[in-house]
Amino acid sequence: MGFHENFPLAFGTGDDGYLAALEKAIKHIAEFAPQFLVVSAGMDIYSADPLGKIRVSRSGIAEIGAQIAKFDLPTAIIMEGGYNTEDLGMNVATFLAAFGAG
């Protein structure tokens, strides 16, 4: 297994498709057995983001945070992308709350 893997998603992919790809990624990460994680958390995956092409709901964003938290590793979460300014803060807070509860 290499150290790099892409999981291409079709435009319009929603929660189910995104979480299925995340499940595959989590398996790869678990096999690698890292000592820490660096997460690039772009909120442009949100369904109402005007520039994003992925359609993940806020509950999907929470599930992403919860799944990543299950690693129980030291984690740096790097915030990037997200252009729906009315919902951006709530999406970030939702992700972080789910991550922290995990």
N, C-alpha and C. Protein backbone atom coordinates (compact mmCIF):
# COMPACT_ATOMS: atom_id res chain seq x y z
N MET A 1 0.85 -1.19 0.00
CA MET A 1 0.00 0.00 0.00
C MET A 1 0.89 1.24 0.00
N GLY A 2 0.53 2.19 -0.83
CA GLY A 2 1.26 3.45 -0.87
C GLY A 2 0.82 4.38 0.24
N PHE A 3 1.40 5.56 0.23
CA PHE A 3 1.09 6.54 1.26
C PHE A 3 0.09 7.58 0.79
N HIS A 4 -0.40 7.41 -0.41
CA HIS A 4 -1.31 8.40 -0.98
C HIS A 4 -2.46 7.67 -1.67
N GLU A 5 -3.65 8.14 -1.45
CA GLU A 5 -4.82 7.53 -2.08
C GLU A 5 -5.83 8.64 -2.38
N ASN A 6 -6.36 8.64 -3.58
CA ASN A 6 -7.43 9.57 -3.95
C ASN A 6 -8.75 8.82 -3.98
N PHE A 7 -9.80 9.51 -3.62
CA PHE A 7 -11.15 8.96 -3.67
C PHE A 7 -12.01 9.94 -4.46
N PRO A 8 -11.94 9.89 -5.78
CA PRO A 8 -12.70 10.84 -6.61
C PRO A 8 -14.20 10.69 -6.37
N LEU A 9 -14.86 11.81 -6.26
CA LEU A 9 -16.31 11.84 -6.06
C LEU A 9 -16.96 12.61 -7.20
N ALA A 10 -18.09 12.13 -7.64
CA ALA A 10 -18.83 12.81 -8.70
C ALA A 10 -19.45 14.10 -8.17
N PHE A 11 -19.61 15.07 -9.06
CA PHE A 11 -20.33 16.29 -8.69
C PHE A 11 -21.69 15.89 -8.13
N GLY A 12 -22.08 16.52 -7.05
CA GLY A 12 -23.38 16.26 -6.46
C GLY A 12 -23.40 15.13 -5.45
N THR A 13 -22.24 14.52 -5.18
CA THR A 13 -22.18 13.44 -4.19
C THR A 13 -22.70 13.95 -2.85
N GLY A 14 -23.61 13.20 -2.24
CA GLY A 14 -24.19 13.57 -0.95
C GLY A 14 -23.58 12.78 0.20
N ASP A 15 -24.30 12.77 1.31
CA ASP A 15 -23.81 12.14 2.53
C ASP A 15 -23.40 10.68 2.32
N ASP A 16 -24.27 9.89 1.73
CA ASP A 16 -24.00 8.45 1.60
C ASP A 16 -22.72 8.19 0.82
N GLY A 17 -22.57 8.83 -0.32
CA GLY A 17 -21.38 8.63 -1.14
C GLY A 17 -20.12 9.14 -0.47
N TYR A 18 -20.23 10.30 0.18
CA TYR A 18 -19.06 10.87 0.85
C TYR A 18 -18.63 9.98 2.02
N LEU A 19 -19.59 9.54 2.81
CA LEU A 19 -19.27 8.71 3.97
C LEU A 19 -18.76 7.34 3.55
N ALA A 20 -19.20 6.83 2.41
CA ALA A 20 -18.67 5.55 1.90
C ALA A 20 -17.19 5.72 1.53
N ALA A 21 -16.86 6.83 0.89
CA ALA A 21 -15.46 7.10 0.55
C ALA A 21 -14.64 7.30 1.82
N LEU A 22 -15.21 7.98 2.80
CA LEU A 22 -14.51 8.19 4.06
C LEU A 22 -14.23 6.85 4.75
N GLU A 23 -15.18 5.93 4.68
CA GLU A 23 -14.99 4.61 5.28
C GLU A 23 -13.79 3.90 4.65
N LYS A 24 -13.66 3.99 3.33
CA LYS A 24 -12.51 3.40 2.65
C LYS A 24 -11.21 4.07 3.11
N ALA A 25 -11.24 5.39 3.21
CA ALA A 25 -10.05 6.12 3.65
C ALA A 25 -9.67 5.73 5.08
N ILE A 26 -10.66 5.58 5.94
CA ILE A 26 -10.41 5.21 7.33
C ILE A 26 -9.74 3.84 7.40
N LYS A 27 -10.14 2.91 6.55
CA LYS A 27 -9.50 1.59 6.53
C LYS A 27 -8.04 1.70 6.16
N HIS A 28 -7.73 2.53 5.16
CA HIS A 28 -6.34 2.73 4.77
C HIS A 28 -5.53 3.36 5.90
N ILE A 29 -6.11 4.35 6.53
CA ILE A 29 -5.42 5.03 7.63
C ILE A 29 -5.18 4.06 8.78
N ALA A 30 -6.17 3.26 9.11
CA ALA A 30 -6.02 2.29 10.20
C ALA A 30 -4.91 1.28 9.89
N GLU A 31 -4.82 0.83 8.64
CA GLU A 31 -3.76 -0.11 8.26
C GLU A 31 -2.38 0.54 8.40
N PHE A 32 -2.30 1.82 8.11
CA PHE A 32 -1.04 2.55 8.24
C PHE A 32 -0.65 2.73 9.70
N ALA A 33 -1.63 2.81 10.59
CA ALA A 33 -1.42 2.98 12.03
C ALA A 33 -0.58 4.20 12.38
N PRO A 34 -1.08 5.38 12.04
CA PRO A 34 -0.30 6.60 12.33
C PRO A 34 -0.27 6.90 13.83
N GLN A 35 0.66 7.77 14.19
CA GLN A 35 0.76 8.23 15.57
C GLN A 35 -0.03 9.51 15.79
N PHE A 36 -0.36 10.18 14.72
CA PHE A 36 -1.17 11.41 14.78
C PHE A 36 -1.83 11.62 13.43
N LEU A 37 -2.78 12.54 13.37
CA LEU A 37 -3.49 12.87 12.13
C LEU A 37 -3.41 14.36 11.85
N VAL A 38 -3.39 14.70 10.58
CA VAL A 38 -3.57 16.07 10.13
C VAL A 38 -4.78 16.03 9.20
N VAL A 39 -5.82 16.75 9.56
CA VAL A 39 -7.07 16.74 8.81
C VAL A 39 -7.26 18.08 8.12
N SER A 40 -7.43 18.03 6.81
CA SER A 40 -7.76 19.21 6.03
C SER A 40 -9.28 19.26 5.96
N ALA A 41 -9.87 20.17 6.71
CA ALA A 41 -11.33 20.21 6.86
C ALA A 41 -11.91 21.36 6.05
N GLY A 42 -12.19 21.10 4.79
CA GLY A 42 -12.81 22.10 3.94
C GLY A 42 -14.32 22.02 4.03
N MET A 43 -14.95 23.10 4.33
CA MET A 43 -16.40 23.12 4.48
C MET A 43 -17.11 23.44 3.17
N ASP A 44 -16.36 23.48 2.08
CA ASP A 44 -17.00 23.69 0.78
C ASP A 44 -17.70 22.41 0.30
N ILE A 45 -17.65 21.34 1.10
CA ILE A 45 -18.43 20.13 0.80
C ILE A 45 -19.90 20.31 1.18
N TYR A 46 -20.21 21.37 1.91
CA TYR A 46 -21.57 21.61 2.40
C TYR A 46 -22.53 21.79 1.23
N SER A 47 -23.69 21.23 1.35
CA SER A 47 -24.67 21.21 0.26
C SER A 47 -25.08 22.60 -0.23
N ALA A 48 -25.05 23.60 0.63
CA ALA A 48 -25.47 24.94 0.22
C ALA A 48 -24.29 25.85 -0.10
N ASP A 49 -23.09 25.28 -0.24
CA ASP A 49 -21.93 26.11 -0.57
C ASP A 49 -22.03 26.54 -2.04
N PRO A 50 -21.91 27.83 -2.32
CA PRO A 50 -22.11 28.30 -3.69
C PRO A 50 -21.00 27.88 -4.66
N LEU A 51 -19.82 27.54 -4.15
CA LEU A 51 -18.71 27.16 -5.03
C LEU A 51 -18.43 25.66 -5.01
N GLY A 52 -18.98 24.97 -4.02
CA GLY A 52 -18.72 23.54 -3.89
C GLY A 52 -19.53 22.71 -4.86
N LYS A 53 -19.03 21.53 -5.14
CA LYS A 53 -19.72 20.61 -6.06
C LYS A 53 -20.19 19.35 -5.34
N ILE A 54 -19.87 19.24 -4.06
CA ILE A 54 -20.29 18.10 -3.24
C ILE A 54 -21.46 18.58 -2.39
N ARG A 55 -22.36 17.69 -2.03
CA ARG A 55 -23.60 18.09 -1.36
C ARG A 55 -23.79 17.36 -0.03
N VAL A 56 -22.85 17.56 0.89
CA VAL A 56 -22.94 16.95 2.22
C VAL A 56 -23.77 17.85 3.13
N SER A 57 -24.67 17.24 3.88
CA SER A 57 -25.53 17.99 4.81
C SER A 57 -24.75 18.31 6.09
N ARG A 58 -25.34 19.15 6.91
CA ARG A 58 -24.71 19.46 8.19
C ARG A 58 -24.61 18.21 9.06
N SER A 59 -25.61 17.34 9.04
CA SER A 59 -25.51 16.09 9.81
C SER A 59 -24.41 15.19 9.23
N GLY A 60 -24.20 15.25 7.93
CA GLY A 60 -23.10 14.52 7.32
C GLY A 60 -21.75 15.05 7.79
N ILE A 61 -21.64 16.36 7.91
CA ILE A 61 -20.42 16.97 8.42
C ILE A 61 -20.17 16.51 9.86
N ALA A 62 -21.22 16.42 10.65
CA ALA A 62 -21.07 15.92 12.03
C ALA A 62 -20.57 14.48 12.02
N GLU A 63 -21.11 13.66 11.13
CA GLU A 63 -20.70 12.26 11.06
C GLU A 63 -19.23 12.14 10.63
N ILE A 64 -18.79 12.99 9.75
CA ILE A 64 -17.38 13.01 9.35
C ILE A 64 -16.51 13.27 10.58
N GLY A 65 -16.86 14.29 11.35
CA GLY A 65 -16.09 14.59 12.57
C GLY A 65 -16.09 13.44 13.54
N ALA A 66 -17.23 12.80 13.72
CA ALA A 66 -17.33 11.68 14.66
C ALA A 66 -16.49 10.48 14.19
N GLN A 67 -16.49 10.22 12.88
CA GLN A 67 -15.72 9.08 12.36
C GLN A 67 -14.22 9.32 12.53
N ILE A 68 -13.78 10.51 12.25
CA ILE A 68 -12.35 10.83 12.40
C ILE A 68 -11.93 10.76 13.86
N ALA A 69 -12.81 11.19 14.75
CA ALA A 69 -12.49 11.16 16.19
C ALA A 69 -12.26 9.76 16.71
N LYS A 70 -12.84 8.76 16.07
CA LYS A 70 -12.70 7.37 16.53
C LYS A 70 -11.26 6.88 16.52
N PHE A 71 -10.39 7.56 15.77
CA PHE A 71 -8.98 7.18 15.80
C PHE A 71 -8.36 7.44 17.17
N ASP A 72 -8.92 8.40 17.90
CA ASP A 72 -8.41 8.75 19.23
C ASP A 72 -6.91 9.03 19.20
N LEU A 73 -6.50 9.84 18.25
CA LEU A 73 -5.10 10.21 18.09
C LEU A 73 -4.94 11.73 18.22
N PRO A 74 -3.74 12.18 18.57
CA PRO A 74 -3.49 13.62 18.47
C PRO A 74 -3.78 14.07 17.04
N THR A 75 -4.56 15.13 16.90
CA THR A 75 -5.03 15.54 15.58
C THR A 75 -4.94 17.05 15.42
N ALA A 76 -4.34 17.46 14.31
CA ALA A 76 -4.36 18.88 13.91
C ALA A 76 -5.44 19.02 12.85
N ILE A 77 -6.41 19.89 13.10
CA ILE A 77 -7.48 20.13 12.14
C ILE A 77 -7.21 21.47 11.48
N ILE A 78 -6.93 21.43 10.20
CA ILE A 78 -6.62 22.62 9.43
C ILE A 78 -7.87 23.02 8.65
N MET A 79 -8.39 24.18 8.97
CA MET A 79 -9.61 24.65 8.31
C MET A 79 -9.23 25.32 6.99
N GLU A 80 -9.98 25.00 5.97
CA GLU A 80 -9.81 25.63 4.67
C GLU A 80 -11.16 25.70 3.99
N GLY A 81 -11.24 26.10 2.77
CA GLY A 81 -12.45 26.18 1.97
C GLY A 81 -13.78 26.20 2.69
N GLY A 82 -14.66 26.98 2.19
CA GLY A 82 -16.01 27.14 2.71
C GLY A 82 -16.46 28.54 2.37
N TYR A 83 -17.46 28.65 1.51
CA TYR A 83 -17.80 29.95 0.96
C TYR A 83 -19.25 30.34 1.21
N ASN A 84 -19.97 29.51 1.95
CA ASN A 84 -21.31 29.89 2.37
C ASN A 84 -21.13 30.59 3.71
N THR A 85 -20.97 31.89 3.69
CA THR A 85 -20.61 32.62 4.90
C THR A 85 -21.70 32.59 5.97
N GLU A 86 -22.96 32.43 5.59
CA GLU A 86 -24.02 32.37 6.59
C GLU A 86 -23.96 31.07 7.39
N ASP A 87 -23.53 29.98 6.79
CA ASP A 87 -23.52 28.68 7.45
C ASP A 87 -22.13 28.19 7.83
N LEU A 88 -21.09 28.86 7.38
CA LEU A 88 -19.72 28.38 7.59
C LEU A 88 -19.40 28.16 9.07
N GLY A 89 -19.69 29.13 9.90
CA GLY A 89 -19.40 29.00 11.33
C GLY A 89 -20.13 27.84 11.97
N MET A 90 -21.39 27.66 11.62
CA MET A 90 -22.16 26.55 12.18
C MET A 90 -21.62 25.20 11.70
N ASN A 91 -21.19 25.13 10.45
CA ASN A 91 -20.63 23.88 9.94
C ASN A 91 -19.32 23.53 10.64
N VAL A 92 -18.47 24.52 10.84
CA VAL A 92 -17.21 24.28 11.55
C VAL A 92 -17.50 23.87 12.98
N ALA A 93 -18.41 24.58 13.65
CA ALA A 93 -18.77 24.23 15.03
C ALA A 93 -19.35 22.83 15.12
N THR A 94 -20.16 22.45 14.14
CA THR A 94 -20.76 21.10 14.11
C THR A 94 -19.68 20.04 13.97
N PHE A 95 -18.75 20.26 13.05
CA PHE A 95 -17.64 19.32 12.85
C PHE A 95 -16.82 19.18 14.13
N LEU A 96 -16.44 20.30 14.72
CA LEU A 96 -15.60 20.27 15.93
C LEU A 96 -16.33 19.66 17.11
N ALA A 97 -17.61 19.95 17.26
CA ALA A 97 -18.38 19.35 18.36
C ALA A 97 -18.45 17.85 18.22
N ALA A 98 -18.70 17.37 17.02
CA ALA A 98 -18.77 15.91 16.79
C ALA A 98 -17.40 15.27 16.99
N PHE A 99 -16.37 15.95 16.57
CA PHE A 99 -15.00 15.44 16.76
C PHE A 99 -14.68 15.38 18.26
N GLY A 100 -15.04 16.42 18.97
CA GLY A 100 -14.75 16.47 20.41
C GLY A 100 -15.56 15.48 21.22
N ALA A 101 -16.73 15.12 20.73
CA ALA A 101 -17.58 14.18 21.46
C ALA A 101 -17.16 12.73 21.20
N GLY A 102 -16.35 12.53 20.14
CA GLY A 102 -15.95 11.18 19.75
C GLY A 102 -15.02 10.51 20.65
